Amino acid sequence: HQDRALDARVAYVRAHFPVDQTIVLAREDYLTIRYYLPEYRTWFYDPPPYTETMTRKRAMRATTIVLFTDGLTAPTTSEMHRVEAVPGVAVTWISVQPGDEVTFQRERFAVREWR
């Protein structure tokens, strides 16, 4: 099932998200994603207990952040989207504006518009 889910997510990302406007957010599967989607920018997010500090990153030139790793929690906004790539395998993403600030703290992250 894990290989099927990975294949489905990789295919969905390639088919639906432009390389130059997409950031892929990952946790324990970061290196796997870097291998299968090397052309995409990938951010690594490792929540507590492994890291306690708050991290901020700017989503330069991005319009989409794909939550590739199961269990990553997106902010609840109207910009969050979820679709089944294949039955039983979902892809979740949020829409952002280029330059938005993404703040990671604990198990969640938030997006703040750059002003």
C-alpha atoms as a PDB file:
ATOM      1  CA  HIS A   1       0.000   0.000   0.000  1.00  0.00           C
ATOM      2  CA  GLN A   2       2.843   2.401   0.810  1.00  0.00           C
ATOM      3  CA  ASP A   3       4.391   2.090  -2.669  1.00  0.00           C
ATOM      4  CA  ARG A   4       0.969   2.562  -4.290  1.00  0.00           C
ATOM      5  CA  ALA A   5       0.333   5.685  -2.212  1.00  0.00           C
ATOM      6  CA  LEU A   6       3.754   7.126  -3.025  1.00  0.00           C
ATOM      7  CA  ASP A   7       3.342   6.451  -6.748  1.00  0.00           C
ATOM      8  CA  ALA A   8      -0.139   8.014  -6.759  1.00  0.00           C
ATOM      9  CA  ARG A   9       0.955  11.141  -4.892  1.00  0.00           C
ATOM     10  CA  VAL A  10       4.048  11.637  -7.053  1.00  0.00           C
ATOM     11  CA  ALA A  11       2.001  11.268 -10.242  1.00  0.00           C
ATOM     12  CA  TYR A  12      -0.672  13.668  -8.950  1.00  0.00           C
ATOM     13  CA  VAL A  13       1.864  16.329  -7.996  1.00  0.00           C
ATOM     14  CA  ARG A  14       3.567  16.136 -11.391  1.00  0.00           C
ATOM     15  CA  ALA A  15       0.258  16.263 -13.269  1.00  0.00           C
ATOM     16  CA  HIS A  16      -1.352  19.127 -11.327  1.00  0.00           C
ATOM     17  CA  PHE A  17       1.273  21.458  -9.831  1.00  0.00           C
ATOM     18  CA  PRO A  18       3.790  23.575 -11.768  1.00  0.00           C
ATOM     19  CA  VAL A  19       7.381  22.953 -10.670  1.00  0.00           C
ATOM     20  CA  ASP A  20       8.241  26.651 -10.394  1.00  0.00           C
ATOM     21  CA  GLN A  21       5.197  27.512  -8.225  1.00  0.00           C
ATOM     22  CA  THR A  22       5.025  24.547  -5.844  1.00  0.00           C
ATOM     23  CA  ILE A  23       6.653  23.674  -2.522  1.00  0.00           C
ATOM     24  CA  VAL A  24       6.354  20.103  -1.250  1.00  0.00           C
ATOM     25  CA  LEU A  25       6.238  19.867   2.557  1.00  0.00           C
ATOM     26  CA  ALA A  26       7.557  16.623   4.039  1.00  0.00           C
ATOM     27  CA  ARG A  27       8.600  15.048   7.286  1.00  0.00           C
ATOM     28  CA  GLU A  28      10.034  11.520   7.581  1.00  0.00           C
ATOM     29  CA  ASP A  29       9.704  10.912   3.850  1.00  0.00           C
ATOM     30  CA  TYR A  30      11.729  14.011   2.914  1.00  0.00           C
ATOM     31  CA  LEU A  31      14.582  12.082   1.274  1.00  0.00           C
ATOM     32  CA  THR A  32      12.149   9.847  -0.591  1.00  0.00           C
ATOM     33  CA  ILE A  33      10.399  12.882  -2.002  1.00  0.00           C
ATOM     34  CA  ARG A  34      13.701  14.486  -2.968  1.00  0.00           C
ATOM     35  CA  TYR A  35      14.454  11.288  -4.902  1.00  0.00           C
ATOM     36  CA  TYR A  36      11.064  10.985  -6.670  1.00  0.00           C
ATOM     37  CA  LEU A  37      10.390  14.709  -7.172  1.00  0.00           C
ATOM     38  CA  PRO A  38      13.880  16.247  -7.483  1.00  0.00           C
ATOM     39  CA  GLU A  39      12.641  19.080  -9.673  1.00  0.00           C
ATOM     40  CA  TYR A  40      10.363  20.449  -6.894  1.00  0.00           C
ATOM     41  CA  ARG A  41      11.370  22.611  -3.951  1.00  0.00           C
ATOM     42  CA  THR A  42      10.930  20.510  -0.834  1.00  0.00           C
ATOM     43  CA  TRP A  43      10.788  21.798   2.720  1.00  0.00           C
ATOM     44  CA  PHE A  44      11.579  19.518   5.634  1.00  0.00           C
ATOM     45  CA  TYR A  45       9.453  19.965   8.754  1.00  0.00           C
ATOM     46  CA  ASP A  46      10.284  17.955  11.841  1.00  0.00           C
ATOM     47  CA  PRO A  47       7.925  18.852  14.700  1.00  0.00           C
ATOM     48  CA  PRO A  48       8.566  18.209  18.415  1.00  0.00           C
ATOM     49  CA  PRO A  49       9.975  16.428  20.223  1.00  0.00           C
ATOM     50  CA  TYR A  50      12.754  16.597  17.643  1.00  0.00           C
ATOM     51  CA  THR A  51      12.776  20.354  17.368  1.00  0.00           C
ATOM     52  CA  GLU A  52      11.324  22.874  19.806  1.00  0.00           C
ATOM     53  CA  THR A  53      11.996  26.088  17.993  1.00  0.00           C
ATOM     54  CA  MET A  54       9.532  27.970  15.878  1.00  0.00           C
ATOM     55  CA  THR A  55      10.597  28.180  12.256  1.00  0.00           C
ATOM     56  CA  ARG A  56       9.567  30.743   9.684  1.00  0.00           C
ATOM     57  CA  LYS A  57      10.054  30.476   5.959  1.00  0.00           C
ATOM     58  CA  ARG A  58       8.950  32.691   3.130  1.00  0.00           C
ATOM     59  CA  ALA A  59       7.130  30.976   0.255  1.00  0.00           C
ATOM     60  CA  MET A  60       8.859  32.894  -2.505  1.00  0.00           C
ATOM     61  CA  ARG A  61       7.381  32.415  -5.996  1.00  0.00           C
ATOM     62  CA  ALA A  62       5.019  29.755  -4.667  1.00  0.00           C
ATOM     63  CA  THR A  63       1.277  29.502  -5.140  1.00  0.00           C
ATOM     64  CA  THR A  64       0.889  25.997  -3.675  1.00  0.00           C
ATOM     65  CA  ILE A  65       2.251  24.034  -0.727  1.00  0.00           C
ATOM     66  CA  VAL A  66       1.598  20.299  -1.047  1.00  0.00           C
ATOM     67  CA  LEU A  67       1.418  18.383   2.263  1.00  0.00           C
ATOM     68  CA  PHE A  68       3.065  15.196   1.114  1.00  0.00           C
ATOM     69  CA  THR A  69       3.538  13.409   4.441  1.00  0.00           C
ATOM     70  CA  ASP A  70       0.500  11.832   6.094  1.00  0.00           C
ATOM     71  CA  GLY A  71      -0.215  13.485   9.422  1.00  0.00           C
ATOM     72  CA  LEU A  72       0.957  16.991   8.618  1.00  0.00           C
ATOM     73  CA  THR A  73      -1.706  19.433   9.755  1.00  0.00           C
ATOM     74  CA  ALA A  74      -2.617  22.387   7.618  1.00  0.00           C
ATOM     75  CA  PRO A  75      -4.261  25.521   8.906  1.00  0.00           C
ATOM     76  CA  THR A  76      -8.020  25.360   8.537  1.00  0.00           C
ATOM     77  CA  THR A  77      -8.708  27.890   5.832  1.00  0.00           C
ATOM     78  CA  SER A  78     -10.761  28.106   2.705  1.00  0.00           C
ATOM     79  CA  GLU A  79      -7.464  27.763   0.836  1.00  0.00           C
ATOM     80  CA  MET A  80      -6.999  24.127   1.902  1.00  0.00           C
ATOM     81  CA  HIS A  81      -7.823  21.488  -0.706  1.00  0.00           C
ATOM     82  CA  ARG A  82      -7.951  17.699  -0.542  1.00  0.00           C
ATOM     83  CA  VAL A  83      -8.552  15.215  -3.329  1.00  0.00           C
ATOM     84  CA  GLU A  84      -8.148  11.492  -3.749  1.00  0.00           C
ATOM     85  CA  ALA A  85      -5.335  10.830  -6.222  1.00  0.00           C
ATOM     86  CA  VAL A  86      -6.569   7.233  -6.358  1.00  0.00           C
ATOM     87  CA  PRO A  87      -9.153   5.601  -4.072  1.00  0.00           C
ATOM     88  CA  GLY A  88      -7.855   5.702  -0.512  1.00  0.00           C
ATOM     89  CA  VAL A  89      -4.858   7.957  -1.254  1.00  0.00           C
ATOM     90  CA  ALA A  90      -5.416  11.664  -0.653  1.00  0.00           C
ATOM     91  CA  VAL A  91      -3.333  14.660  -1.656  1.00  0.00           C
ATOM     92  CA  THR A  92      -3.730  17.819   0.426  1.00  0.00           C
ATOM     93  CA  TRP A  93      -2.492  21.261  -0.513  1.00  0.00           C
ATOM     94  CA  ILE A  94      -2.963  24.877   0.424  1.00  0.00           C
ATOM     95  CA  SER A  95      -2.956  27.886  -1.815  1.00  0.00           C
ATOM     96  CA  VAL A  96      -0.575  30.691  -0.914  1.00  0.00           C
ATOM     97  CA  GLN A  97       0.480  33.987  -2.390  1.00  0.00           C
ATOM     98  CA  PRO A  98       4.093  34.431  -3.468  1.00  0.00           C
ATOM     99  CA  GLY A  99       6.013  35.799  -0.506  1.00  0.00           C
ATOM    100  CA  ASP A 100       3.610  34.576   2.203  1.00  0.00           C
ATOM    101  CA  GLU A 101       5.275  33.695   5.479  1.00  0.00           C
ATOM    102  CA  VAL A 102       4.848  30.129   6.698  1.00  0.00           C
ATOM    103  CA  THR A 103       5.335  29.654  10.440  1.00  0.00           C
ATOM    104  CA  PHE A 104       5.919  26.188  11.850  1.00  0.00           C
ATOM    105  CA  GLN A 105       5.351  25.522  15.529  1.00  0.00           C
ATOM    106  CA  ARG A 106       4.764  22.150  17.125  1.00  0.00           C
ATOM    107  CA  GLU A 107       2.438  19.933  15.032  1.00  0.00           C
ATOM    108  CA  ARG A 108       0.911  22.788  13.067  1.00  0.00           C
ATOM    109  CA  PHE A 109       1.885  25.499  10.709  1.00  0.00           C
ATOM    110  CA  ALA A 110       0.205  28.732   9.684  1.00  0.00           C
ATOM    111  CA  VAL A 111       0.424  30.965   6.636  1.00  0.00           C
ATOM    112  CA  ARG A 112       0.503  34.714   6.981  1.00  0.00           C
ATOM    113  CA  GLU A 113       0.230  37.058   4.054  1.00  0.00           C
ATOM    114  CA  TRP A 114       3.305  39.175   3.495  1.00  0.00           C
ATOM    115  CA  ARG A 115       2.524  42.877   3.715  1.00  0.00           C
END
